[in-house]
Amino acid sequence: MHLKSDDITRLEIEYVTGEVPPPFSHVFKLKMSFGKNFVNTQFDIQYTGRENLSPEEITDEGFTMADDYSYKGEIPKLWEQIIKKLYSASKWSNQKALGDKGGIKILAKDIHGKITRDIPLNQDEWYLTCQDFIQAIYEISKKEAPLCIRFKSIRPTQEIKIELLFKFSVRKVEAMVNDQVQTLDWEKGRELASLIFIPDYDYGSAMEEEPKQIGEFLDCGDGLWHNFEKGIFNLDQEYDAKGKVLMAFKELAD
């Protein structure tokens, strides 16, 4: 029997990539304590199996030589209910050890001192929530700035510019549409952010300067502008992710 989510005082989440090769393979641990006006948090991530790789093999994949990271500190209390709600909605495997494919396992402790250890069946949901929580840690620790995604559409009779600032620590999206502030629902904004990273981007044709020519352009958050027509490609020809991204931005502009 699993614990009542409202009674949980401590949660430990451990993730292992499993069969994923270096330099991508890693493990992370999240320890959260509840009951105060914040979520007391400890986070550690370590990249594994890199000892036989050259520095070039690591950096060519977009990593650095110092990707391991640790954090101890306070995360806004709103995250307590996000995590507890997910725990309450989860179904469990009743297994204690992860297999070769890796994944997430969880330890929970409640106000009565009871402890459970198990592996959730909804692995993807836990992984995505952990990634958002880790992004909140990076924001608060100033390791990374909040994710900023920019879109620009230039036509002879109209120009549209949209800027979305994602604040994972407080789960808010600040939307600026042609210099007008709009509110964007977090879940809707998060869905758009996830959609943006589905297509393939040709960084060889990306531009550092903000575009001024006719067309539609997207900056995914790294300061480089990609042309929808020439620099963004669907990986799955049966799923038009690029078209859905373009449509989402045009709907924001309406």
C-alpha atoms as a PDB file:
ATOM      1  CA  MET A   1       0.000   0.000   0.000  1.00  0.00           C
ATOM      2  CA  HIS A   2       1.326   3.424  -0.932  1.00  0.00           C
ATOM      3  CA  LEU A   3       1.278   6.500   1.218  1.00  0.00           C
ATOM      4  CA  LYS A   4      -1.353   9.201   1.267  1.00  0.00           C
ATOM      5  CA  SER A   5       0.132  12.047  -0.732  1.00  0.00           C
ATOM      6  CA  ASP A   6      -0.959  14.674   1.819  1.00  0.00           C
ATOM      7  CA  ASP A   7       1.021  12.840   4.518  1.00  0.00           C
ATOM      8  CA  ILE A   8       4.297  12.691   2.574  1.00  0.00           C
ATOM      9  CA  THR A   9       7.109  14.663   4.173  1.00  0.00           C
ATOM     10  CA  ARG A  10      10.005  13.464   2.027  1.00  0.00           C
ATOM     11  CA  LEU A  11      10.443  12.181  -1.518  1.00  0.00           C
ATOM     12  CA  GLU A  12      13.593  10.854  -3.163  1.00  0.00           C
ATOM     13  CA  ILE A  13      13.697  10.335  -6.914  1.00  0.00           C
ATOM     14  CA  GLU A  14      16.534   8.500  -8.637  1.00  0.00           C
ATOM     15  CA  TYR A  15      16.914   8.332 -12.414  1.00  0.00           C
ATOM     16  CA  VAL A  16      19.291   6.190 -14.497  1.00  0.00           C
ATOM     17  CA  THR A  17      19.569   6.413 -18.286  1.00  0.00           C
ATOM     18  CA  GLY A  18      20.242   2.685 -18.594  1.00  0.00           C
ATOM     19  CA  GLU A  19      21.468   1.563 -22.025  1.00  0.00           C
ATOM     20  CA  VAL A  20      22.033   5.111 -23.318  1.00  0.00           C
ATOM     21  CA  PRO A  21      25.733   5.496 -24.331  1.00  0.00           C
ATOM     22  CA  PRO A  22      28.093   8.253 -23.173  1.00  0.00           C
ATOM     23  CA  PRO A  23      28.371  11.190 -23.324  1.00  0.00           C
ATOM     24  CA  PHE A  24      24.568  11.165 -22.911  1.00  0.00           C
ATOM     25  CA  SER A  25      24.391   8.556 -20.116  1.00  0.00           C
ATOM     26  CA  HIS A  26      23.835   9.998 -16.658  1.00  0.00           C
ATOM     27  CA  VAL A  27      22.151   9.543 -13.299  1.00  0.00           C
ATOM     28  CA  PHE A  28      20.386  12.129 -11.184  1.00  0.00           C
ATOM     29  CA  LYS A  29      18.948  12.193  -7.687  1.00  0.00           C
ATOM     30  CA  LEU A  30      16.332  14.579  -6.339  1.00  0.00           C
ATOM     31  CA  LYS A  31      15.597  14.768  -2.617  1.00  0.00           C
ATOM     32  CA  MET A  32      12.642  16.891  -1.543  1.00  0.00           C
ATOM     33  CA  SER A  33      11.417  17.706   1.958  1.00  0.00           C
ATOM     34  CA  PHE A  34       7.945  19.187   2.415  1.00  0.00           C
ATOM     35  CA  GLY A  35       6.162  20.967   5.250  1.00  0.00           C
ATOM     36  CA  LYS A  36       7.713  24.435   5.152  1.00  0.00           C
ATOM     37  CA  ASN A  37       6.958  27.491   3.023  1.00  0.00           C
ATOM     38  CA  PHE A  38       9.224  26.043   0.350  1.00  0.00           C
ATOM     39  CA  VAL A  39      10.417  22.687  -0.966  1.00  0.00           C
ATOM     40  CA  ASN A  40      13.776  21.956   0.633  1.00  0.00           C
ATOM     41  CA  THR A  41      15.710  20.428  -2.255  1.00  0.00           C
ATOM     42  CA  GLN A  42      18.923  18.546  -2.908  1.00  0.00           C
ATOM     43  CA  PHE A  43      19.865  17.707  -6.498  1.00  0.00           C
ATOM     44  CA  ASP A  44      22.827  15.865  -7.970  1.00  0.00           C
ATOM     45  CA  ILE A  45      23.474  14.900 -11.584  1.00  0.00           C
ATOM     46  CA  GLN A  46      26.483  12.906 -12.778  1.00  0.00           C
ATOM     47  CA  TYR A  47      27.388  11.942 -16.331  1.00  0.00           C
ATOM     48  CA  THR A  48      28.735   8.433 -16.605  1.00  0.00           C
ATOM     49  CA  GLY A  49      31.084   6.400 -18.788  1.00  0.00           C
ATOM     50  CA  ARG A  50      33.015   9.353 -20.198  1.00  0.00           C
ATOM     51  CA  GLU A  51      36.463   8.211 -19.110  1.00  0.00           C
ATOM     52  CA  ASN A  52      37.158   6.567 -22.477  1.00  0.00           C
ATOM     53  CA  LEU A  53      35.947   9.520 -24.570  1.00  0.00           C
ATOM     54  CA  SER A  54      38.119  12.332 -25.863  1.00  0.00           C
ATOM     55  CA  PRO A  55      37.160  15.934 -25.040  1.00  0.00           C
ATOM     56  CA  GLU A  56      36.164  16.406 -28.691  1.00  0.00           C
ATOM     57  CA  GLU A  57      33.771  13.444 -28.568  1.00  0.00           C
ATOM     58  CA  ILE A  58      32.064  15.063 -25.601  1.00  0.00           C
ATOM     59  CA  THR A  59      31.924  18.673 -26.795  1.00  0.00           C
ATOM     60  CA  ASP A  60      30.884  17.733 -30.342  1.00  0.00           C
ATOM     61  CA  GLU A  61      27.615  16.445 -28.850  1.00  0.00           C
ATOM     62  CA  GLY A  62      26.926  19.804 -27.225  1.00  0.00           C
ATOM     63  CA  PHE A  63      28.230  18.944 -23.754  1.00  0.00           C
ATOM     64  CA  THR A  64      31.072  20.423 -21.719  1.00  0.00           C
ATOM     65  CA  MET A  65      33.837  18.881 -19.623  1.00  0.00           C
ATOM     66  CA  ALA A  66      32.030  19.957 -16.438  1.00  0.00           C
ATOM     67  CA  ASP A  67      28.388  18.890 -16.792  1.00  0.00           C
ATOM     68  CA  ASP A  68      28.079  17.289 -13.327  1.00  0.00           C
ATOM     69  CA  TYR A  69      26.137  19.565 -10.986  1.00  0.00           C
ATOM     70  CA  SER A  70      24.918  19.713  -7.382  1.00  0.00           C
ATOM     71  CA  TYR A  71      22.420  22.001  -5.672  1.00  0.00           C
ATOM     72  CA  LYS A  72      21.009  22.470  -2.182  1.00  0.00           C
ATOM     73  CA  GLY A  73      18.367  25.081  -1.597  1.00  0.00           C
ATOM     74  CA  GLU A  74      14.739  26.187  -1.611  1.00  0.00           C
ATOM     75  CA  ILE A  75      12.264  25.771  -4.471  1.00  0.00           C
ATOM     76  CA  PRO A  76       8.864  27.587  -4.430  1.00  0.00           C
ATOM     77  CA  LYS A  77       6.179  25.745  -2.443  1.00  0.00           C
ATOM     78  CA  LEU A  78       3.816  25.466  -5.430  1.00  0.00           C
ATOM     79  CA  TRP A  79       5.981  22.534  -6.556  1.00  0.00           C
ATOM     80  CA  GLU A  80       4.919  20.522  -3.491  1.00  0.00           C
ATOM     81  CA  GLN A  81       1.392  20.060  -4.796  1.00  0.00           C
ATOM     82  CA  ILE A  82       2.628  19.364  -8.339  1.00  0.00           C
ATOM     83  CA  ILE A  83       4.791  16.479  -7.076  1.00  0.00           C
ATOM     84  CA  LYS A  84       2.221  15.150  -4.582  1.00  0.00           C
ATOM     85  CA  LYS A  85      -0.559  15.254  -7.172  1.00  0.00           C
ATOM     86  CA  LEU A  86       1.577  13.209  -9.553  1.00  0.00           C
ATOM     87  CA  TYR A  87       2.396  10.720  -6.780  1.00  0.00           C
ATOM     88  CA  SER A  88      -1.284  10.348  -5.938  1.00  0.00           C
ATOM     89  CA  ALA A  89      -2.237   9.760  -9.598  1.00  0.00           C
ATOM     90  CA  SER A  90       0.527   7.230 -10.255  1.00  0.00           C
ATOM     91  CA  LYS A  91       0.253   3.483 -10.600  1.00  0.00           C
ATOM     92  CA  TRP A  92       3.116   1.317  -9.441  1.00  0.00           C
ATOM     93  CA  SER A  93       5.064  -1.721 -10.615  1.00  0.00           C
ATOM     94  CA  ASN A  94       5.650  -3.158  -7.104  1.00  0.00           C
ATOM     95  CA  GLN A  95       9.288  -3.625  -8.093  1.00  0.00           C
ATOM     96  CA  LYS A  96      12.257  -2.194  -6.229  1.00  0.00           C
ATOM     97  CA  ALA A  97      15.034  -2.374  -8.845  1.00  0.00           C
ATOM     98  CA  LEU A  98      15.324  -0.821 -12.288  1.00  0.00           C
ATOM     99  CA  GLY A  99      16.131  -2.998 -15.286  1.00  0.00           C
ATOM    100  CA  ASP A 100      18.723  -2.530 -18.016  1.00  0.00           C
ATOM    101  CA  LYS A 101      16.628   0.197 -19.647  1.00  0.00           C
ATOM    102  CA  GLY A 102      16.915   2.396 -16.579  1.00  0.00           C
ATOM    103  CA  GLY A 103      14.211   4.827 -15.535  1.00  0.00           C
ATOM    104  CA  ILE A 104      12.904   6.381 -12.342  1.00  0.00           C
ATOM    105  CA  LYS A 105      12.465   4.842  -8.905  1.00  0.00           C
ATOM    106  CA  ILE A 106      10.997   6.602  -5.899  1.00  0.00           C
ATOM    107  CA  LEU A 107      11.285   6.531  -2.129  1.00  0.00           C
ATOM    108  CA  ALA A 108       8.549   8.241  -0.098  1.00  0.00           C
ATOM    109  CA  LYS A 109       8.320   8.854   3.655  1.00  0.00           C
ATOM    110  CA  ASP A 110       5.250  10.125   5.521  1.00  0.00           C
ATOM    111  CA  ILE A 111       4.515  11.882   8.834  1.00  0.00           C
ATOM    112  CA  HIS A 112       4.135   8.490  10.561  1.00  0.00           C
ATOM    113  CA  GLY A 113       7.622   7.369   9.571  1.00  0.00           C
ATOM    114  CA  LYS A 114       6.379   4.862   6.996  1.00  0.00           C
ATOM    115  CA  ILE A 115       8.627   4.412   3.944  1.00  0.00           C
ATOM    116  CA  THR A 116       7.783   2.970   0.529  1.00  0.00           C
ATOM    117  CA  ARG A 117      10.113   2.209  -2.361  1.00  0.00           C
ATOM    118  CA  ASP A 118       8.693   1.561  -5.819  1.00  0.00           C
ATOM    119  CA  ILE A 119       8.911   2.205  -9.537  1.00  0.00           C
ATOM    120  CA  PRO A 120       6.077   4.195 -11.149  1.00  0.00           C
ATOM    121  CA  LEU A 121       4.464   2.820 -14.290  1.00  0.00           C
ATOM    122  CA  ASN A 122       3.942   6.339 -15.698  1.00  0.00           C
ATOM    123  CA  GLN A 123       7.668   6.816 -16.260  1.00  0.00           C
ATOM    124  CA  ASP A 124       7.342   9.490 -18.966  1.00  0.00           C
ATOM    125  CA  GLU A 125       5.170  11.716 -16.790  1.00  0.00           C
ATOM    126  CA  TRP A 126       7.590  11.488 -13.882  1.00  0.00           C
ATOM    127  CA  TYR A 127      10.568  12.140 -16.152  1.00  0.00           C
ATOM    128  CA  LEU A 128       9.017  15.254 -17.720  1.00  0.00           C
ATOM    129  CA  THR A 129       7.996  16.614 -14.326  1.00  0.00           C
ATOM    130  CA  CYS A 130      11.517  16.023 -13.021  1.00  0.00           C
ATOM    131  CA  GLN A 131      12.982  17.833 -16.032  1.00  0.00           C
ATOM    132  CA  ASP A 132      10.751  20.845 -15.335  1.00  0.00           C
ATOM    133  CA  PHE A 133      11.744  20.749 -11.663  1.00  0.00           C
ATOM    134  CA  ILE A 134      15.429  20.565 -12.573  1.00  0.00           C
ATOM    135  CA  GLN A 135      14.937  23.543 -14.887  1.00  0.00           C
ATOM    136  CA  ALA A 136      13.439  25.406 -11.917  1.00  0.00           C
ATOM    137  CA  ILE A 137      16.605  24.559  -9.947  1.00  0.00           C
ATOM    138  CA  TYR A 138      18.804  25.882 -12.745  1.00  0.00           C
ATOM    139  CA  GLU A 139      16.830  29.144 -12.822  1.00  0.00           C
ATOM    140  CA  ILE A 140      16.937  29.721  -9.078  1.00  0.00           C
ATOM    141  CA  SER A 141      20.627  28.850  -8.830  1.00  0.00           C
ATOM    142  CA  LYS A 142      21.340  31.127 -11.817  1.00  0.00           C
ATOM    143  CA  LYS A 143      22.984  28.214 -13.611  1.00  0.00           C
ATOM    144  CA  GLU A 144      20.725  28.992 -16.564  1.00  0.00           C
ATOM    145  CA  ALA A 145      18.554  31.951 -17.490  1.00  0.00           C
ATOM    146  CA  PRO A 146      14.818  31.348 -17.996  1.00  0.00           C
ATOM    147  CA  LEU A 147      14.053  29.813 -21.384  1.00  0.00           C
ATOM    148  CA  CYS A 148      13.225  32.529 -23.920  1.00  0.00           C
ATOM    149  CA  ILE A 149      11.675  31.495 -27.245  1.00  0.00           C
ATOM    150  CA  ARG A 150      11.198  34.064 -30.011  1.00  0.00           C
ATOM    151  CA  PHE A 151       9.115  33.958 -33.185  1.00  0.00           C
ATOM    152  CA  LYS A 152       9.051  36.444 -36.029  1.00  0.00           C
ATOM    153  CA  SER A 153       6.853  36.584 -39.121  1.00  0.00           C
ATOM    154  CA  ILE A 154       7.612  39.184 -41.781  1.00  0.00           C
ATOM    155  CA  ARG A 155       5.180  39.801 -44.637  1.00  0.00           C
ATOM    156  CA  PRO A 156       4.841  42.798 -46.996  1.00  0.00           C
ATOM    157  CA  THR A 157       1.726  43.996 -45.149  1.00  0.00           C
ATOM    158  CA  GLN A 158       2.327  42.688 -41.633  1.00  0.00           C
ATOM    159  CA  GLU A 159       5.050  41.920 -39.128  1.00  0.00           C
ATOM    160  CA  ILE A 160       4.517  39.749 -36.055  1.00  0.00           C
ATOM    161  CA  LYS A 161       6.988  39.351 -33.213  1.00  0.00           C
ATOM    162  CA  ILE A 162       6.349  37.045 -30.263  1.00  0.00           C
ATOM    163  CA  GLU A 163       8.556  36.441 -27.249  1.00  0.00           C
ATOM    164  CA  LEU A 164       7.794  33.738 -24.677  1.00  0.00           C
ATOM    165  CA  LEU A 165       9.666  33.739 -21.366  1.00  0.00           C
ATOM    166  CA  PHE A 166       9.279  30.455 -19.468  1.00  0.00           C
ATOM    167  CA  LYS A 167       9.759  30.669 -15.700  1.00  0.00           C
ATOM    168  CA  PHE A 168       9.832  27.063 -14.544  1.00  0.00           C
ATOM    169  CA  SER A 169      10.455  28.009 -10.919  1.00  0.00           C
ATOM    170  CA  VAL A 170       6.992  29.598 -10.635  1.00  0.00           C
ATOM    171  CA  ARG A 171       5.405  27.826 -13.638  1.00  0.00           C
ATOM    172  CA  LYS A 172       4.516  30.999 -15.523  1.00  0.00           C
ATOM    173  CA  VAL A 173       4.873  32.033 -19.159  1.00  0.00           C
ATOM    174  CA  GLU A 174       5.296  35.724 -19.917  1.00  0.00           C
ATOM    175  CA  ALA A 175       4.130  36.351 -23.480  1.00  0.00           C
ATOM    176  CA  MET A 176       4.968  39.492 -25.432  1.00  0.00           C
ATOM    177  CA  VAL A 177       3.107  39.834 -28.742  1.00  0.00           C
ATOM    178  CA  ASN A 178       4.165  42.885 -30.761  1.00  0.00           C
ATOM    179  CA  ASP A 179       5.136  44.647 -27.519  1.00  0.00           C
ATOM    180  CA  GLN A 180       1.781  43.812 -25.902  1.00  0.00           C
ATOM    181  CA  VAL A 181       1.856  41.695 -22.744  1.00  0.00           C
ATOM    182  CA  GLN A 182      -0.388  38.637 -22.736  1.00  0.00           C
ATOM    183  CA  THR A 183      -0.998  35.878 -20.237  1.00  0.00           C
ATOM    184  CA  LEU A 184      -0.394  32.361 -21.469  1.00  0.00           C
ATOM    185  CA  ASP A 185      -1.586  29.295 -19.587  1.00  0.00           C
ATOM    186  CA  TRP A 186       1.390  27.314 -18.269  1.00  0.00           C
ATOM    187  CA  GLU A 187       0.245  23.963 -19.630  1.00  0.00           C
ATOM    188  CA  LYS A 188      -0.488  25.443 -23.056  1.00  0.00           C
ATOM    189  CA  GLY A 189       2.886  27.175 -23.106  1.00  0.00           C
ATOM    190  CA  ARG A 190       4.692  24.041 -21.917  1.00  0.00           C
ATOM    191  CA  GLU A 191       2.994  22.022 -24.654  1.00  0.00           C
ATOM    192  CA  LEU A 192       4.212  24.510 -27.252  1.00  0.00           C
ATOM    193  CA  ALA A 193       7.761  24.395 -25.832  1.00  0.00           C
ATOM    194  CA  SER A 194       7.771  20.597 -26.073  1.00  0.00           C
ATOM    195  CA  LEU A 195       6.444  20.778 -29.633  1.00  0.00           C
ATOM    196  CA  ILE A 196       9.223  23.164 -30.656  1.00  0.00           C
ATOM    197  CA  PHE A 197      11.919  20.600 -29.871  1.00  0.00           C
ATOM    198  CA  ILE A 198      10.402  17.837 -32.013  1.00  0.00           C
ATOM    199  CA  PRO A 199      11.577  19.027 -35.494  1.00  0.00           C
ATOM    200  CA  ASP A 200      15.182  18.978 -36.695  1.00  0.00           C
ATOM    201  CA  TYR A 201      17.038  22.296 -36.966  1.00  0.00           C
ATOM    202  CA  ASP A 202      19.793  23.045 -39.496  1.00  0.00           C
ATOM    203  CA  TYR A 203      22.284  25.061 -37.450  1.00  0.00           C
ATOM    204  CA  GLY A 204      24.455  25.531 -40.503  1.00  0.00           C
ATOM    205  CA  SER A 205      21.857  27.897 -41.946  1.00  0.00           C
ATOM    206  CA  ALA A 206      20.868  29.568 -38.651  1.00  0.00           C
ATOM    207  CA  MET A 207      21.344  33.335 -38.265  1.00  0.00           C
ATOM    208  CA  GLU A 208      22.714  35.257 -35.291  1.00  0.00           C
ATOM    209  CA  GLU A 209      21.161  38.565 -36.325  1.00  0.00           C
ATOM    210  CA  GLU A 210      17.432  39.104 -36.032  1.00  0.00           C
ATOM    211  CA  PRO A 211      15.924  38.511 -39.499  1.00  0.00           C
ATOM    212  CA  LYS A 212      14.589  41.373 -41.586  1.00  0.00           C
ATOM    213  CA  GLN A 213      13.680  39.497 -44.778  1.00  0.00           C
ATOM    214  CA  ILE A 214      10.306  38.023 -45.749  1.00  0.00           C
ATOM    215  CA  GLY A 215       9.466  34.733 -44.006  1.00  0.00           C
ATOM    216  CA  GLU A 216       8.795  33.045 -40.675  1.00  0.00           C
ATOM    217  CA  PHE A 217      11.616  32.523 -38.169  1.00  0.00           C
ATOM    218  CA  LEU A 218      12.132  30.873 -34.787  1.00  0.00           C
ATOM    219  CA  ASP A 219      14.725  31.208 -32.034  1.00  0.00           C
ATOM    220  CA  CYS A 220      14.511  28.102 -29.812  1.00  0.00           C
ATOM    221  CA  GLY A 221      16.250  29.783 -26.902  1.00  0.00           C
ATOM    222  CA  ASP A 222      19.896  29.723 -27.944  1.00  0.00           C
ATOM    223  CA  GLY A 223      19.907  33.090 -29.719  1.00  0.00           C
ATOM    224  CA  LEU A 224      19.970  31.643 -33.253  1.00  0.00           C
ATOM    225  CA  TRP A 225      17.184  32.272 -35.764  1.00  0.00           C
ATOM    226  CA  HIS A 226      15.916  29.404 -37.925  1.00  0.00           C
ATOM    227  CA  ASN A 227      13.979  29.889 -41.152  1.00  0.00           C
ATOM    228  CA  PHE A 228      10.794  27.788 -41.163  1.00  0.00           C
ATOM    229  CA  GLU A 229      11.079  27.258 -44.907  1.00  0.00           C
ATOM    230  CA  LYS A 230      14.778  26.390 -45.180  1.00  0.00           C
ATOM    231  CA  GLY A 231      16.099  25.545 -41.719  1.00  0.00           C
ATOM    232  CA  ILE A 232      13.438  23.490 -39.901  1.00  0.00           C
ATOM    233  CA  PHE A 233      12.495  19.945 -40.918  1.00  0.00           C
ATOM    234  CA  ASN A 234      10.026  17.333 -39.699  1.00  0.00           C
ATOM    235  CA  LEU A 235      11.721  14.141 -38.565  1.00  0.00           C
ATOM    236  CA  ASP A 236       8.491  12.177 -39.028  1.00  0.00           C
ATOM    237  CA  GLN A 237       6.845  12.863 -42.362  1.00  0.00           C
ATOM    238  CA  GLU A 238       3.530  11.638 -40.958  1.00  0.00           C
ATOM    239  CA  TYR A 239       3.577  14.212 -38.158  1.00  0.00           C
ATOM    240  CA  ASP A 240       3.798  17.869 -39.153  1.00  0.00           C
ATOM    241  CA  ALA A 241       5.397  19.235 -35.982  1.00  0.00           C
ATOM    242  CA  LYS A 242       6.773  22.250 -37.856  1.00  0.00           C
ATOM    243  CA  GLY A 243       3.306  23.140 -39.122  1.00  0.00           C
ATOM    244  CA  LYS A 244       1.822  22.788 -35.639  1.00  0.00           C
ATOM    245  CA  VAL A 245       4.472  25.115 -34.190  1.00  0.00           C
ATOM    246  CA  LEU A 246       3.815  27.715 -36.871  1.00  0.00           C
ATOM    247  CA  MET A 247       0.063  27.459 -36.350  1.00  0.00           C
ATOM    248  CA  ALA A 248       0.435  27.839 -32.568  1.00  0.00           C
ATOM    249  CA  PHE A 249       2.379  31.088 -32.931  1.00  0.00           C
ATOM    250  CA  LYS A 250      -0.102  32.463 -35.455  1.00  0.00           C
ATOM    251  CA  GLU A 251      -2.931  31.689 -33.035  1.00  0.00           C
ATOM    252  CA  LEU A 252      -1.085  33.622 -30.325  1.00  0.00           C
ATOM    253  CA  ALA A 253      -0.883  36.595 -32.657  1.00  0.00           C
ATOM    254  CA  ASP A 254      -4.628  36.659 -33.388  1.00  0.00           C
END
